[in-house]
Amino acid sequence: MAEGIVVATTGDVPDGEGIAVAADVLGTVDDVAVFNDGGEFYALDDTCSHEKASLAEGWVEDGAVECPLHSARFCLADGSVLSMPATRAVACHRVVVDGDDIRVIPDPGRLRE
């Protein structure tokens, strides 16, 4: 069996978009957003570090997601801040594509105790 928890299939996440996965599914402290950027899949904590907005509802382009509320941008590969008003990174989770299944391996530091 492959690592991680199956959260979607590749067909569930259109190119340039994201979906939110409930924290209960992964056992994480925040919902997790899974993104498709040109066929590459990424996972970040879903809540923008600047305000309480869902990054899964943001715009995905060129390896970044832009928050739909105030346009802060985050790197899909590591969650780092690419533009203000955000000043804190969001957590990044490992993604494994297994056939058509998208598996997320949560960051151990972001698991509920």
N, C-alpha and C. Protein backbone atom coordinates (compact mmCIF):
# COMPACT_ATOMS: atom_id res chain seq x y z
N MET A 1 0.84 -1.19 0.00
CA MET A 1 0.00 0.00 0.00
C MET A 1 0.88 1.25 0.00
N ALA A 2 0.49 2.22 -0.77
CA ALA A 2 1.25 3.47 -0.85
C ALA A 2 1.06 4.29 0.43
N GLU A 3 2.00 5.21 0.64
CA GLU A 3 1.93 6.10 1.79
C GLU A 3 0.81 7.11 1.64
N GLY A 4 0.36 7.64 2.75
CA GLY A 4 -0.58 8.74 2.74
C GLY A 4 -2.03 8.33 2.70
N ILE A 5 -2.88 9.32 2.70
CA ILE A 5 -4.32 9.14 2.72
C ILE A 5 -4.88 9.62 1.39
N VAL A 6 -5.66 8.78 0.73
CA VAL A 6 -6.28 9.17 -0.54
C VAL A 6 -7.32 10.25 -0.24
N VAL A 7 -7.17 11.41 -0.89
CA VAL A 7 -8.09 12.52 -0.66
C VAL A 7 -8.89 12.88 -1.91
N ALA A 8 -8.45 12.43 -3.07
CA ALA A 8 -9.11 12.76 -4.33
C ALA A 8 -8.46 11.95 -5.43
N THR A 9 -9.04 12.09 -6.63
CA THR A 9 -8.37 11.56 -7.82
C THR A 9 -7.88 12.75 -8.63
N THR A 10 -6.99 12.48 -9.55
CA THR A 10 -6.44 13.57 -10.36
C THR A 10 -7.54 14.29 -11.14
N GLY A 11 -8.59 13.59 -11.52
CA GLY A 11 -9.70 14.21 -12.23
C GLY A 11 -10.57 15.11 -11.37
N ASP A 12 -10.44 15.00 -10.05
CA ASP A 12 -11.23 15.82 -9.13
C ASP A 12 -10.69 17.25 -8.99
N VAL A 13 -9.44 17.46 -9.41
CA VAL A 13 -8.81 18.77 -9.21
C VAL A 13 -8.39 19.31 -10.59
N PRO A 14 -9.23 20.16 -11.19
CA PRO A 14 -8.89 20.70 -12.51
C PRO A 14 -7.61 21.53 -12.48
N ASP A 15 -6.92 21.57 -13.60
CA ASP A 15 -5.71 22.37 -13.72
C ASP A 15 -6.02 23.84 -13.37
N GLY A 16 -5.16 24.42 -12.54
CA GLY A 16 -5.33 25.82 -12.15
C GLY A 16 -6.30 26.02 -11.00
N GLU A 17 -6.70 24.94 -10.35
CA GLU A 17 -7.66 25.05 -9.26
C GLU A 17 -7.20 24.25 -8.05
N GLY A 18 -7.98 24.40 -6.97
CA GLY A 18 -7.72 23.66 -5.75
C GLY A 18 -9.01 23.15 -5.15
N ILE A 19 -8.88 22.17 -4.28
CA ILE A 19 -10.02 21.66 -3.52
C ILE A 19 -9.63 21.64 -2.05
N ALA A 20 -10.61 21.77 -1.19
CA ALA A 20 -10.35 21.70 0.26
C ALA A 20 -10.67 20.29 0.75
N VAL A 21 -9.79 19.78 1.62
CA VAL A 21 -9.98 18.49 2.26
C VAL A 21 -10.15 18.76 3.75
N ALA A 22 -11.22 18.27 4.33
CA ALA A 22 -11.52 18.53 5.73
C ALA A 22 -10.43 18.00 6.65
N ALA A 23 -10.15 18.77 7.70
CA ALA A 23 -9.13 18.39 8.68
C ALA A 23 -9.42 17.01 9.28
N ASP A 24 -10.69 16.66 9.43
CA ASP A 24 -11.05 15.36 10.00
C ASP A 24 -10.57 14.20 9.14
N VAL A 25 -10.50 14.39 7.85
CA VAL A 25 -10.05 13.33 6.94
C VAL A 25 -8.57 13.02 7.16
N LEU A 26 -7.77 14.06 7.39
CA LEU A 26 -6.32 13.90 7.52
C LEU A 26 -5.82 13.92 8.96
N GLY A 27 -6.67 14.32 9.89
CA GLY A 27 -6.25 14.42 11.28
C GLY A 27 -5.38 15.64 11.54
N THR A 28 -5.53 16.66 10.71
CA THR A 28 -4.72 17.87 10.82
C THR A 28 -5.45 18.95 11.61
N VAL A 29 -4.71 19.99 12.00
CA VAL A 29 -5.30 21.09 12.76
C VAL A 29 -6.05 22.06 11.86
N ASP A 30 -5.82 22.03 10.58
CA ASP A 30 -6.50 22.90 9.62
C ASP A 30 -6.92 22.05 8.43
N ASP A 31 -7.94 22.50 7.72
CA ASP A 31 -8.25 21.87 6.45
C ASP A 31 -7.02 21.99 5.56
N VAL A 32 -6.93 21.12 4.57
CA VAL A 32 -5.79 21.12 3.65
C VAL A 32 -6.31 21.38 2.24
N ALA A 33 -5.64 22.27 1.52
CA ALA A 33 -6.00 22.56 0.13
C ALA A 33 -5.06 21.77 -0.78
N VAL A 34 -5.64 21.09 -1.75
CA VAL A 34 -4.86 20.34 -2.75
C VAL A 34 -5.01 21.08 -4.07
N PHE A 35 -3.89 21.39 -4.71
CA PHE A 35 -3.86 22.20 -5.92
C PHE A 35 -3.29 21.42 -7.09
N ASN A 36 -3.75 21.77 -8.29
CA ASN A 36 -3.22 21.24 -9.54
C ASN A 36 -2.65 22.42 -10.33
N ASP A 37 -1.35 22.42 -10.52
CA ASP A 37 -0.69 23.46 -11.32
C ASP A 37 0.01 22.78 -12.48
N GLY A 38 -0.66 22.72 -13.62
CA GLY A 38 -0.08 22.11 -14.80
C GLY A 38 0.18 20.62 -14.67
N GLY A 39 -0.67 19.93 -13.91
CA GLY A 39 -0.50 18.49 -13.72
C GLY A 39 0.38 18.12 -12.55
N GLU A 40 0.94 19.09 -11.88
CA GLU A 40 1.69 18.85 -10.63
C GLU A 40 0.74 19.15 -9.47
N PHE A 41 0.74 18.28 -8.47
CA PHE A 41 -0.18 18.43 -7.35
C PHE A 41 0.58 18.82 -6.09
N TYR A 42 -0.04 19.71 -5.33
CA TYR A 42 0.56 20.26 -4.11
C TYR A 42 -0.50 20.32 -3.03
N ALA A 43 -0.06 20.37 -1.77
CA ALA A 43 -0.99 20.50 -0.65
C ALA A 43 -0.43 21.47 0.39
N LEU A 44 -1.27 22.41 0.78
CA LEU A 44 -0.93 23.41 1.80
C LEU A 44 -2.08 23.48 2.80
N ASP A 45 -1.79 23.98 4.01
CA ASP A 45 -2.90 24.32 4.91
C ASP A 45 -3.83 25.23 4.14
N ASP A 46 -5.12 25.07 4.34
CA ASP A 46 -6.10 25.79 3.54
C ASP A 46 -6.31 27.23 3.97
N THR A 47 -6.01 27.57 5.21
CA THR A 47 -6.31 28.91 5.71
C THR A 47 -5.15 29.87 5.48
N CYS A 48 -5.42 30.98 4.81
CA CYS A 48 -4.41 32.01 4.59
C CYS A 48 -3.87 32.48 5.93
N SER A 49 -2.58 32.71 6.03
CA SER A 49 -1.98 33.15 7.29
C SER A 49 -2.22 34.62 7.59
N HIS A 50 -2.76 35.35 6.63
CA HIS A 50 -3.06 36.77 6.84
C HIS A 50 -4.47 36.96 7.39
N GLU A 51 -5.44 36.35 6.77
CA GLU A 51 -6.85 36.42 7.19
C GLU A 51 -7.46 35.04 7.04
N LYS A 52 -8.63 34.87 7.56
CA LYS A 52 -9.31 33.57 7.52
C LYS A 52 -10.01 33.36 6.18
N ALA A 53 -9.24 33.07 5.16
CA ALA A 53 -9.78 32.80 3.83
C ALA A 53 -9.27 31.45 3.34
N SER A 54 -10.07 30.77 2.55
CA SER A 54 -9.71 29.47 2.01
C SER A 54 -8.80 29.62 0.79
N LEU A 55 -7.59 29.10 0.89
CA LEU A 55 -6.68 29.15 -0.26
C LEU A 55 -7.16 28.27 -1.40
N ALA A 56 -7.95 27.24 -1.10
CA ALA A 56 -8.50 26.38 -2.15
C ALA A 56 -9.39 27.18 -3.10
N GLU A 57 -9.90 28.31 -2.64
CA GLU A 57 -10.74 29.16 -3.48
C GLU A 57 -9.92 30.21 -4.24
N GLY A 58 -8.60 30.16 -4.06
CA GLY A 58 -7.72 31.15 -4.69
C GLY A 58 -7.38 30.81 -6.13
N TRP A 59 -6.48 31.62 -6.70
CA TRP A 59 -6.05 31.46 -8.08
C TRP A 59 -4.69 30.79 -8.10
N VAL A 60 -4.56 29.77 -8.93
CA VAL A 60 -3.33 28.98 -9.04
C VAL A 60 -2.66 29.29 -10.37
N GLU A 61 -1.37 29.67 -10.28
CA GLU A 61 -0.64 30.00 -11.50
C GLU A 61 0.85 30.07 -11.20
N ASP A 62 1.64 29.51 -12.10
CA ASP A 62 3.11 29.62 -12.03
C ASP A 62 3.68 29.22 -10.68
N GLY A 63 3.20 28.10 -10.12
CA GLY A 63 3.76 27.59 -8.88
C GLY A 63 3.33 28.32 -7.63
N ALA A 64 2.24 29.10 -7.72
CA ALA A 64 1.77 29.87 -6.57
C ALA A 64 0.26 29.85 -6.50
N VAL A 65 -0.25 30.11 -5.29
CA VAL A 65 -1.68 30.32 -5.10
C VAL A 65 -1.86 31.73 -4.53
N GLU A 66 -2.86 32.44 -5.05
CA GLU A 66 -3.17 33.78 -4.58
C GLU A 66 -4.46 33.73 -3.77
N CYS A 67 -4.40 34.23 -2.55
CA CYS A 67 -5.56 34.24 -1.67
C CYS A 67 -6.68 35.08 -2.29
N PRO A 68 -7.92 34.57 -2.25
CA PRO A 68 -9.03 35.31 -2.87
C PRO A 68 -9.46 36.55 -2.08
N LEU A 69 -9.00 36.69 -0.83
CA LEU A 69 -9.46 37.81 -0.01
C LEU A 69 -8.62 39.07 -0.20
N HIS A 70 -7.31 38.98 0.02
CA HIS A 70 -6.45 40.18 -0.07
C HIS A 70 -5.24 39.99 -0.99
N SER A 71 -5.25 38.93 -1.79
CA SER A 71 -4.23 38.69 -2.82
C SER A 71 -2.83 38.35 -2.33
N ALA A 72 -2.70 37.90 -1.08
CA ALA A 72 -1.40 37.37 -0.65
C ALA A 72 -1.10 36.14 -1.51
N ARG A 73 0.18 35.93 -1.82
CA ARG A 73 0.56 34.78 -2.65
C ARG A 73 1.49 33.86 -1.87
N PHE A 74 1.32 32.55 -2.08
CA PHE A 74 2.12 31.54 -1.40
C PHE A 74 2.69 30.56 -2.43
N CYS A 75 3.91 30.12 -2.20
CA CYS A 75 4.56 29.12 -3.05
C CYS A 75 3.90 27.76 -2.82
N LEU A 76 3.49 27.11 -3.89
CA LEU A 76 2.86 25.81 -3.75
C LEU A 76 3.83 24.73 -3.28
N ALA A 77 5.10 24.86 -3.61
CA ALA A 77 6.08 23.84 -3.28
C ALA A 77 6.47 23.80 -1.81
N ASP A 78 6.42 24.97 -1.13
CA ASP A 78 6.87 24.98 0.27
C ASP A 78 6.04 25.86 1.21
N GLY A 79 5.01 26.52 0.69
CA GLY A 79 4.14 27.34 1.53
C GLY A 79 4.69 28.70 1.90
N SER A 80 5.85 29.05 1.37
CA SER A 80 6.46 30.34 1.72
C SER A 80 5.66 31.50 1.13
N VAL A 81 5.77 32.66 1.76
CA VAL A 81 5.07 33.86 1.32
C VAL A 81 5.80 34.44 0.11
N LEU A 82 5.03 34.73 -0.94
CA LEU A 82 5.59 35.35 -2.13
C LEU A 82 5.21 36.82 -2.25
N SER A 83 4.12 37.21 -1.58
CA SER A 83 3.74 38.62 -1.60
C SER A 83 2.86 38.95 -0.40
N MET A 84 2.94 40.20 0.01
CA MET A 84 2.14 40.68 1.12
C MET A 84 0.68 40.80 0.67
N PRO A 85 -0.26 40.87 1.58
CA PRO A 85 -0.09 41.27 2.97
C PRO A 85 0.30 40.15 3.93
N ALA A 86 0.36 38.90 3.49
CA ALA A 86 0.79 37.82 4.37
C ALA A 86 2.26 37.98 4.72
N THR A 87 2.61 37.61 5.94
CA THR A 87 4.01 37.65 6.36
C THR A 87 4.48 36.31 6.93
N ARG A 88 3.55 35.37 7.10
CA ARG A 88 3.89 34.04 7.63
C ARG A 88 3.53 32.98 6.60
N ALA A 89 4.41 32.01 6.46
CA ALA A 89 4.18 30.89 5.55
C ALA A 89 3.01 30.05 6.04
N VAL A 90 2.48 29.23 5.15
CA VAL A 90 1.49 28.23 5.52
C VAL A 90 2.16 26.86 5.42
N ALA A 91 1.67 25.91 6.20
CA ALA A 91 2.28 24.58 6.22
C ALA A 91 2.10 23.87 4.90
N CYS A 92 3.10 23.13 4.53
CA CYS A 92 3.12 22.35 3.30
C CYS A 92 3.03 20.87 3.66
N HIS A 93 2.27 20.11 2.89
CA HIS A 93 2.11 18.68 3.11
C HIS A 93 2.58 17.94 1.87
N ARG A 94 3.10 16.74 2.06
CA ARG A 94 3.62 15.96 0.94
C ARG A 94 2.47 15.33 0.15
N VAL A 95 2.61 15.34 -1.16
CA VAL A 95 1.61 14.74 -2.06
C VAL A 95 2.28 13.63 -2.85
N VAL A 96 1.58 12.50 -2.94
CA VAL A 96 2.02 11.38 -3.76
C VAL A 96 0.88 11.06 -4.72
N VAL A 97 1.17 11.03 -6.01
CA VAL A 97 0.17 10.61 -6.99
C VAL A 97 0.43 9.14 -7.28
N ASP A 98 -0.59 8.32 -7.02
CA ASP A 98 -0.50 6.87 -7.15
C ASP A 98 -1.55 6.44 -8.16
N GLY A 99 -1.14 6.31 -9.43
CA GLY A 99 -2.12 6.09 -10.49
C GLY A 99 -2.96 7.35 -10.62
N ASP A 100 -4.27 7.22 -10.43
CA ASP A 100 -5.15 8.40 -10.45
C ASP A 100 -5.41 8.95 -9.05
N ASP A 101 -4.97 8.24 -8.02
CA ASP A 101 -5.22 8.67 -6.65
C ASP A 101 -4.23 9.75 -6.21
N ILE A 102 -4.76 10.76 -5.52
CA ILE A 102 -3.92 11.78 -4.89
C ILE A 102 -3.89 11.45 -3.40
N ARG A 103 -2.69 11.18 -2.91
CA ARG A 103 -2.49 10.87 -1.50
C ARG A 103 -1.77 12.03 -0.84
N VAL A 104 -2.22 12.39 0.35
CA VAL A 104 -1.56 13.44 1.13
C VAL A 104 -0.94 12.81 2.37
N ILE A 105 0.32 13.17 2.60
CA ILE A 105 1.03 12.77 3.81
C ILE A 105 1.17 14.03 4.64
N PRO A 106 0.37 14.16 5.71
CA PRO A 106 0.38 15.41 6.48
C PRO A 106 1.72 15.69 7.13
N ASP A 107 2.05 16.97 7.22
CA ASP A 107 3.21 17.43 7.98
C ASP A 107 2.99 16.99 9.42
N PRO A 108 3.93 16.23 10.01
CA PRO A 108 3.73 15.75 11.38
C PRO A 108 3.51 16.87 12.40
N GLY A 109 4.05 18.04 12.15
CA GLY A 109 3.87 19.16 13.05
C GLY A 109 2.48 19.78 12.99
N ARG A 110 1.68 19.35 12.02
CA ARG A 110 0.34 19.92 11.84
C ARG A 110 -0.77 18.91 12.17
N LEU A 111 -0.38 17.78 12.78
CA LEU A 111 -1.38 16.79 13.18
C LEU A 111 -2.00 17.16 14.52
N ARG A 112 -3.28 16.84 14.67
CA ARG A 112 -3.94 17.06 15.95
C ARG A 112 -3.39 16.09 16.99
N GLU A 113 -3.31 16.55 18.18
CA GLU A 113 -2.81 15.67 19.26
C GLU A 113 -3.92 14.89 19.89
